[in-house]
C-alpha atoms as a PDB file:
ATOM      1  CA  MET A   1     -15.571   1.777  19.272  1.00  0.00           C
ATOM      2  CA  LEU A   2     -12.760  -0.576  20.205  1.00  0.00           C
ATOM      3  CA  PHE A   3      -9.257   0.570  19.431  1.00  0.00           C
ATOM      4  CA  ASP A   4      -6.378  -1.902  19.774  1.00  0.00           C
ATOM      5  CA  ILE A   5      -2.826  -1.148  18.647  1.00  0.00           C
ATOM      6  CA  ASN A   6      -0.779  -3.738  16.759  1.00  0.00           C
ATOM      7  CA  LYS A   7       2.890  -2.902  17.296  1.00  0.00           C
ATOM      8  CA  ASN A   8       4.249  -5.742  15.173  1.00  0.00           C
ATOM      9  CA  PHE A   9       5.871  -3.529  12.509  1.00  0.00           C
ATOM     10  CA  LYS A  10       7.255  -6.107  10.077  1.00  0.00           C
ATOM     11  CA  GLU A  11       6.215  -5.185   6.553  1.00  0.00           C
ATOM     12  CA  PHE A  12       7.582  -1.891   5.309  1.00  0.00           C
ATOM     13  CA  THR A  13       7.937  -0.795   1.690  1.00  0.00           C
ATOM     14  CA  ASN A  14       9.626   2.305   0.372  1.00  0.00           C
ATOM     15  CA  TYR A  15       8.856   2.896  -3.307  1.00  0.00           C
ATOM     16  CA  LYS A  16      11.194   5.027  -5.410  1.00  0.00           C
ATOM     17  CA  HIS A  17       8.657   7.699  -6.424  1.00  0.00           C
ATOM     18  CA  SER A  18       6.050   7.617  -3.675  1.00  0.00           C
ATOM     19  CA  PRO A  19       5.734   7.790   0.094  1.00  0.00           C
ATOM     20  CA  ALA A  20       6.882   4.847   2.181  1.00  0.00           C
ATOM     21  CA  HIS A  21       4.167   2.400   3.212  1.00  0.00           C
ATOM     22  CA  LEU A  22       3.921   0.199   6.287  1.00  0.00           C
ATOM     23  CA  PHE A  23       1.773  -2.907   5.852  1.00  0.00           C
ATOM     24  CA  LEU A  24       0.332  -4.283   9.107  1.00  0.00           C
ATOM     25  CA  ASN A  25      -2.501  -6.714   9.493  1.00  0.00           C
ATOM     26  CA  ASN A  26      -5.231  -5.704  11.938  1.00  0.00           C
ATOM     27  CA  ALA A  27      -3.963  -2.120  12.028  1.00  0.00           C
ATOM     28  CA  TYR A  28      -5.879   1.119  11.707  1.00  0.00           C
ATOM     29  CA  TYR A  29      -4.943   3.323   8.767  1.00  0.00           C
ATOM     30  CA  ILE A  30      -5.779   6.835   7.725  1.00  0.00           C
ATOM     31  CA  ILE A  31      -5.608   6.961   3.943  1.00  0.00           C
ATOM     32  CA  THR A  32      -5.702  10.152   1.891  1.00  0.00           C
ATOM     33  CA  ALA A  33      -5.586  10.485  -1.881  1.00  0.00           C
ATOM     34  CA  HIS A  34      -5.955  13.478  -4.102  1.00  0.00           C
ATOM     35  CA  THR A  35      -6.169  14.277  -7.766  1.00  0.00           C
ATOM     36  CA  LEU A  36      -3.388  15.475 -10.022  1.00  0.00           C
ATOM     37  CA  LYS A  37      -3.049  19.275  -9.984  1.00  0.00           C
ATOM     38  CA  ASN A  38      -6.162  19.397  -7.801  1.00  0.00           C
ATOM     39  CA  ILE A  39      -8.513  18.907 -10.734  1.00  0.00           C
ATOM     40  CA  ARG A  40     -12.096  18.422  -9.508  1.00  0.00           C
ATOM     41  CA  PRO A  41     -13.459  15.435 -11.448  1.00  0.00           C
ATOM     42  CA  PHE A  42     -15.855  14.369  -8.672  1.00  0.00           C
ATOM     43  CA  TYR A  43     -17.808  17.633  -8.748  1.00  0.00           C
ATOM     44  CA  ASP A  44     -21.332  16.213  -8.470  1.00  0.00           C
ATOM     45  CA  ASP A  45     -23.198  13.528  -6.536  1.00  0.00           C
ATOM     46  CA  GLU A  46     -23.103  10.991  -9.361  1.00  0.00           C
ATOM     47  CA  ARG A  47     -19.314  11.186  -9.635  1.00  0.00           C
ATOM     48  CA  LYS A  48     -18.749  11.132  -5.889  1.00  0.00           C
ATOM     49  CA  GLN A  49     -20.989   8.063  -5.685  1.00  0.00           C
ATOM     50  CA  ILE A  50     -18.875   6.313  -8.345  1.00  0.00           C
ATOM     51  CA  LEU A  51     -15.769   6.944  -6.238  1.00  0.00           C
ATOM     52  CA  LEU A  52     -17.434   5.897  -2.983  1.00  0.00           C
ATOM     53  CA  ASP A  53     -18.858   2.724  -4.546  1.00  0.00           C
ATOM     54  CA  SER A  54     -15.408   1.827  -5.878  1.00  0.00           C
ATOM     55  CA  ILE A  55     -13.857   2.373  -2.442  1.00  0.00           C
ATOM     56  CA  PHE A  56     -16.428   0.114  -0.790  1.00  0.00           C
ATOM     57  CA  MET A  57     -16.222  -2.512  -3.541  1.00  0.00           C
ATOM     58  CA  ASN A  58     -12.434  -2.761  -3.478  1.00  0.00           C
ATOM     59  CA  PHE A  59     -11.725  -2.417   0.237  1.00  0.00           C
ATOM     60  CA  ILE A  60     -14.695  -4.150   1.796  1.00  0.00           C
ATOM     61  CA  ASN A  61     -16.323  -6.515  -0.708  1.00  0.00           C
ATOM     62  CA  ARG A  62     -13.156  -7.767  -2.428  1.00  0.00           C
ATOM     63  CA  ASN A  63     -10.493  -7.455   0.279  1.00  0.00           C
ATOM     64  CA  ASP A  64     -12.312  -7.629   3.614  1.00  0.00           C
ATOM     65  CA  TRP A  65     -11.065  -4.386   5.159  1.00  0.00           C
ATOM     66  CA  LYS A  66     -13.279  -2.664   7.750  1.00  0.00           C
ATOM     67  CA  MET A  67     -14.461   0.882   7.086  1.00  0.00           C
ATOM     68  CA  ILE A  68     -14.460   3.110  10.159  1.00  0.00           C
ATOM     69  CA  ALA A  69     -14.862   6.581   8.603  1.00  0.00           C
ATOM     70  CA  TYR A  70     -14.857   8.184   5.159  1.00  0.00           C
ATOM     71  CA  PHE A  71     -15.150  11.506   3.386  1.00  0.00           C
ATOM     72  CA  VAL A  72     -15.275  12.062  -0.393  1.00  0.00           C
ATOM     73  CA  ALA A  73     -14.696  15.505  -1.935  1.00  0.00           C
ATOM     74  CA  ASP A  74     -14.441  16.921  -5.458  1.00  0.00           C
ATOM     75  CA  ASN A  75     -10.682  16.295  -5.583  1.00  0.00           C
ATOM     76  CA  HIS A  76      -9.696  14.028  -2.684  1.00  0.00           C
ATOM     77  CA  TYR A  77     -10.841  11.529  -0.101  1.00  0.00           C
ATOM     78  CA  HIS A  78      -9.987  10.438   3.432  1.00  0.00           C
ATOM     79  CA  LEU A  79     -10.549   6.976   4.863  1.00  0.00           C
ATOM     80  CA  LEU A  80     -10.076   5.516   8.340  1.00  0.00           C
ATOM     81  CA  MET A  81      -9.934   1.755   8.027  1.00  0.00           C
ATOM     82  CA  ASN A  82      -8.831  -1.464   9.674  1.00  0.00           C
ATOM     83  CA  SER A  83      -6.737  -3.740   7.466  1.00  0.00           C
ATOM     84  CA  LYS A  84      -7.866  -6.985   9.117  1.00  0.00           C
ATOM     85  CA  ASN A  85      -5.680  -9.644   7.402  1.00  0.00           C
ATOM     86  CA  ASN A  86      -5.036  -7.881   4.083  1.00  0.00           C
ATOM     87  CA  ALA A  87      -2.599  -5.044   4.761  1.00  0.00           C
ATOM     88  CA  GLY A  88      -0.196  -6.217   2.070  1.00  0.00           C
ATOM     89  CA  LYS A  89      -2.852  -5.541  -0.580  1.00  0.00           C
ATOM     90  CA  LEU A  90      -3.205  -1.826   0.206  1.00  0.00           C
ATOM     91  CA  SER A  91      -1.258  -0.519  -2.809  1.00  0.00           C
ATOM     92  CA  LYS A  92      -3.147  -2.810  -5.200  1.00  0.00           C
ATOM     93  CA  ILE A  93      -6.517  -1.846  -3.713  1.00  0.00           C
ATOM     94  CA  ILE A  94      -5.759   1.856  -4.157  1.00  0.00           C
ATOM     95  CA  ALA A  95      -4.465   1.243  -7.694  1.00  0.00           C
ATOM     96  CA  ASP A  96      -7.690  -0.602  -8.580  1.00  0.00           C
ATOM     97  CA  ILE A  97      -9.866   2.208  -7.193  1.00  0.00           C
ATOM     98  CA  HIS A  98      -7.878   4.877  -8.991  1.00  0.00           C
ATOM     99  CA  ARG A  99      -7.741   2.963 -12.277  1.00  0.00           C
ATOM    100  CA  PHE A 100     -11.483   2.278 -12.333  1.00  0.00           C
ATOM    101  CA  THR A 101     -12.519   5.789 -11.322  1.00  0.00           C
ATOM    102  CA  ALA A 102     -10.092   7.454 -13.754  1.00  0.00           C
ATOM    103  CA  ILE A 103     -11.335   5.341 -16.668  1.00  0.00           C
ATOM    104  CA  THR A 104     -14.982   5.938 -15.717  1.00  0.00           C
ATOM    105  CA  ILE A 105     -14.625   9.700 -15.215  1.00  0.00           C
ATOM    106  CA  ASN A 106     -12.562  10.090 -18.390  1.00  0.00           C
ATOM    107  CA  LYS A 107     -15.295   8.291 -20.355  1.00  0.00           C
ATOM    108  CA  MET A 108     -17.920  10.596 -18.834  1.00  0.00           C
ATOM    109  CA  ASP A 109     -15.814  13.601 -19.873  1.00  0.00           C
ATOM    110  CA  ASN A 110     -14.923  12.177 -23.320  1.00  0.00           C
ATOM    111  CA  ILE A 111     -11.206  12.403 -22.528  1.00  0.00           C
ATOM    112  CA  ASN A 112      -8.745   9.619 -23.306  1.00  0.00           C
ATOM    113  CA  GLY A 113      -5.755   8.861 -21.091  1.00  0.00           C
ATOM    114  CA  ARG A 114      -5.994  11.794 -18.679  1.00  0.00           C
ATOM    115  CA  GLN A 115      -4.260  11.115 -15.378  1.00  0.00           C
ATOM    116  CA  VAL A 116      -6.840  11.787 -12.688  1.00  0.00           C
ATOM    117  CA  TRP A 117      -5.091  10.716  -9.497  1.00  0.00           C
ATOM    118  CA  TYR A 118      -1.826  12.049  -8.132  1.00  0.00           C
ATOM    119  CA  GLN A 119      -0.842   9.937  -5.154  1.00  0.00           C
ATOM    120  CA  TYR A 120      -2.040   8.507  -1.880  1.00  0.00           C
ATOM    121  CA  TRP A 121      -0.688   8.590   1.647  1.00  0.00           C
ATOM    122  CA  ASP A 122      -1.333   6.133   4.418  1.00  0.00           C
ATOM    123  CA  THR A 123      -0.424   6.266   8.075  1.00  0.00           C
ATOM    124  CA  VAL A 124      -0.742   3.525  10.659  1.00  0.00           C
ATOM    125  CA  ILE A 125      -2.533   4.856  13.731  1.00  0.00           C
ATOM    126  CA  THR A 126      -0.536   4.142  16.876  1.00  0.00           C
ATOM    127  CA  SER A 127      -2.618   5.561  19.724  1.00  0.00           C
ATOM    128  CA  GLU A 128      -6.211   5.984  20.809  1.00  0.00           C
ATOM    129  CA  ASN A 129      -5.880   9.783  20.807  1.00  0.00           C
ATOM    130  CA  SER A 130      -4.530   9.726  17.252  1.00  0.00           C
ATOM    131  CA  PHE A 131      -7.302   7.375  16.135  1.00  0.00           C
ATOM    132  CA  TYR A 132     -10.131   9.548  17.438  1.00  0.00           C
ATOM    133  CA  ALA A 133      -8.520  12.830  16.371  1.00  0.00           C
ATOM    134  CA  ARG A 134      -8.371  11.492  12.801  1.00  0.00           C
ATOM    135  CA  PHE A 135     -11.875  10.081  13.137  1.00  0.00           C
ATOM    136  CA  ASN A 136     -13.008  13.632  13.953  1.00  0.00           C
ATOM    137  CA  TYR A 137     -10.812  15.204  11.278  1.00  0.00           C
ATOM    138  CA  ILE A 138     -12.457  13.084   8.585  1.00  0.00           C
ATOM    139  CA  HIS A 139     -15.936  13.777   9.912  1.00  0.00           C
ATOM    140  CA  TYR A 140     -15.510  17.551  10.029  1.00  0.00           C
ATOM    141  CA  ASN A 141     -14.013  17.792   6.522  1.00  0.00           C
ATOM    142  CA  PRO A 142     -17.390  18.565   4.897  1.00  0.00           C
ATOM    143  CA  VAL A 143     -17.593  21.717   7.020  1.00  0.00           C
ATOM    144  CA  LYS A 144     -13.912  22.572   6.593  1.00  0.00           C
ATOM    145  CA  HIS A 145     -14.292  22.478   2.797  1.00  0.00           C
ATOM    146  CA  GLU A 146     -17.612  24.355   2.993  1.00  0.00           C
ATOM    147  CA  TYR A 147     -19.806  21.694   1.434  1.00  0.00           C
ATOM    148  CA  VAL A 148     -22.224  22.041   4.360  1.00  0.00           C
ATOM    149  CA  THR A 149     -22.490  23.884   7.671  1.00  0.00           C
ATOM    150  CA  LYS A 150     -23.151  20.662   9.644  1.00  0.00           C
ATOM    151  CA  SER A 151     -21.324  17.405   8.896  1.00  0.00           C
ATOM    152  CA  GLU A 152     -24.458  15.315   9.362  1.00  0.00           C
ATOM    153  CA  ASP A 153     -25.906  17.003   6.264  1.00  0.00           C
ATOM    154  CA  TYR A 154     -23.168  15.790   3.901  1.00  0.00           C
ATOM    155  CA  LYS A 155     -24.082  12.710   1.882  1.00  0.00           C
ATOM    156  CA  PHE A 156     -20.525  11.481   1.184  1.00  0.00           C
ATOM    157  CA  CYS A 157     -19.242  11.242   4.730  1.00  0.00           C
ATOM    158  CA  SER A 158     -19.808   8.572   7.378  1.00  0.00           C
ATOM    159  CA  TYR A 159     -20.528  11.161  10.088  1.00  0.00           C
ATOM    160  CA  LYS A 160     -24.252  11.170   9.314  1.00  0.00           C
ATOM    161  CA  ASP A 161     -24.479   7.437  10.124  1.00  0.00           C
ATOM    162  CA  TYR A 162     -22.714   7.797  13.484  1.00  0.00           C
ATOM    163  CA  PHE A 163     -24.675  10.963  14.288  1.00  0.00           C
ATOM    164  CA  GLU A 164     -28.011   9.219  13.654  1.00  0.00           C
ATOM    165  CA  LYS A 165     -26.991   6.315  15.929  1.00  0.00           C
ATOM    166  CA  ASP A 166     -25.706   8.408  18.849  1.00  0.00           C
ATOM    167  CA  GLU A 167     -25.489  12.170  18.588  1.00  0.00           C
ATOM    168  CA  ASN A 168     -24.264  12.537  22.191  1.00  0.00           C
ATOM    169  CA  GLU A 169     -21.368  10.131  21.697  1.00  0.00           C
ATOM    170  CA  MET A 170     -20.263  11.999  18.572  1.00  0.00           C
ATOM    171  CA  LEU A 171     -20.311  15.313  20.439  1.00  0.00           C
ATOM    172  CA  PHE A 172     -18.355  13.729  23.303  1.00  0.00           C
ATOM    173  CA  ILE A 173     -15.707  12.347  20.892  1.00  0.00           C
ATOM    174  CA  LYS A 174     -15.435  15.729  19.178  1.00  0.00           C
ATOM    175  CA  LYS A 175     -14.817  17.473  22.494  1.00  0.00           C
ATOM    176  CA  LYS A 176     -12.470  14.846  24.000  1.00  0.00           C
ATOM    177  CA  TYR A 177     -10.278  14.314  20.896  1.00  0.00           C
ATOM    178  CA  PRO A 178      -9.524  17.630  19.189  1.00  0.00           C
ATOM    179  CA  PHE A 179      -8.511  17.475  15.556  1.00  0.00           C
ATOM    180  CA  ASP A 180      -7.310  21.008  14.917  1.00  0.00           C
ATOM    181  CA  LYS A 181      -3.629  19.991  15.068  1.00  0.00           C
ATOM    182  CA  VAL A 182      -3.955  16.817  12.983  1.00  0.00           C
ATOM    183  CA  LYS A 183      -1.538  16.790  10.050  1.00  0.00           C
ATOM    184  CA  VAL A 184      -3.154  15.092   7.058  1.00  0.00           C
ATOM    185  CA  ARG A 185      -2.115  15.724   3.465  1.00  0.00           C
ATOM    186  CA  GLU A 186      -4.734  17.850   1.765  1.00  0.00           C
ATOM    187  CA  PRO A 187      -4.864  19.214  -1.747  1.00  0.00           C
END
């Protein structure tokens, strides 16, 4: 993987009722979102797939971001992405994902108007060590949350794809870039 830092910090937005956001083109972001009051609306494969499809549709197909790593859980998700030339659209992309998935899940549950999502956090990655530590953090979330005992067995995480391509490289990255001290918002 090629990691290149863009230190041209020009676009910064601080919203009144949410975390501040830095919008940088061609930057790497870790993005975390979780549900309101930790409800678990994505409790089965069908629902997780709806969320994952919406993430891919909105980030990659519609807005040309590059997916590096992902993990989808019952009540939250983590993404490691490159913004390419569309960093300024981050808030709208997240809003579109959350709107679509909330409407879809509420219809499945026969509930009108329930707020599904709480908030999201994004951080621009500023070093190679930080990048790979978060890469590992995302990939070992299925084990951390006890969905599986080995990350490569979890369907809604990108680890399995990397593991199938080069198991030795993944084990090397895990050893070289520890993730046990990574601070990422979790439900």
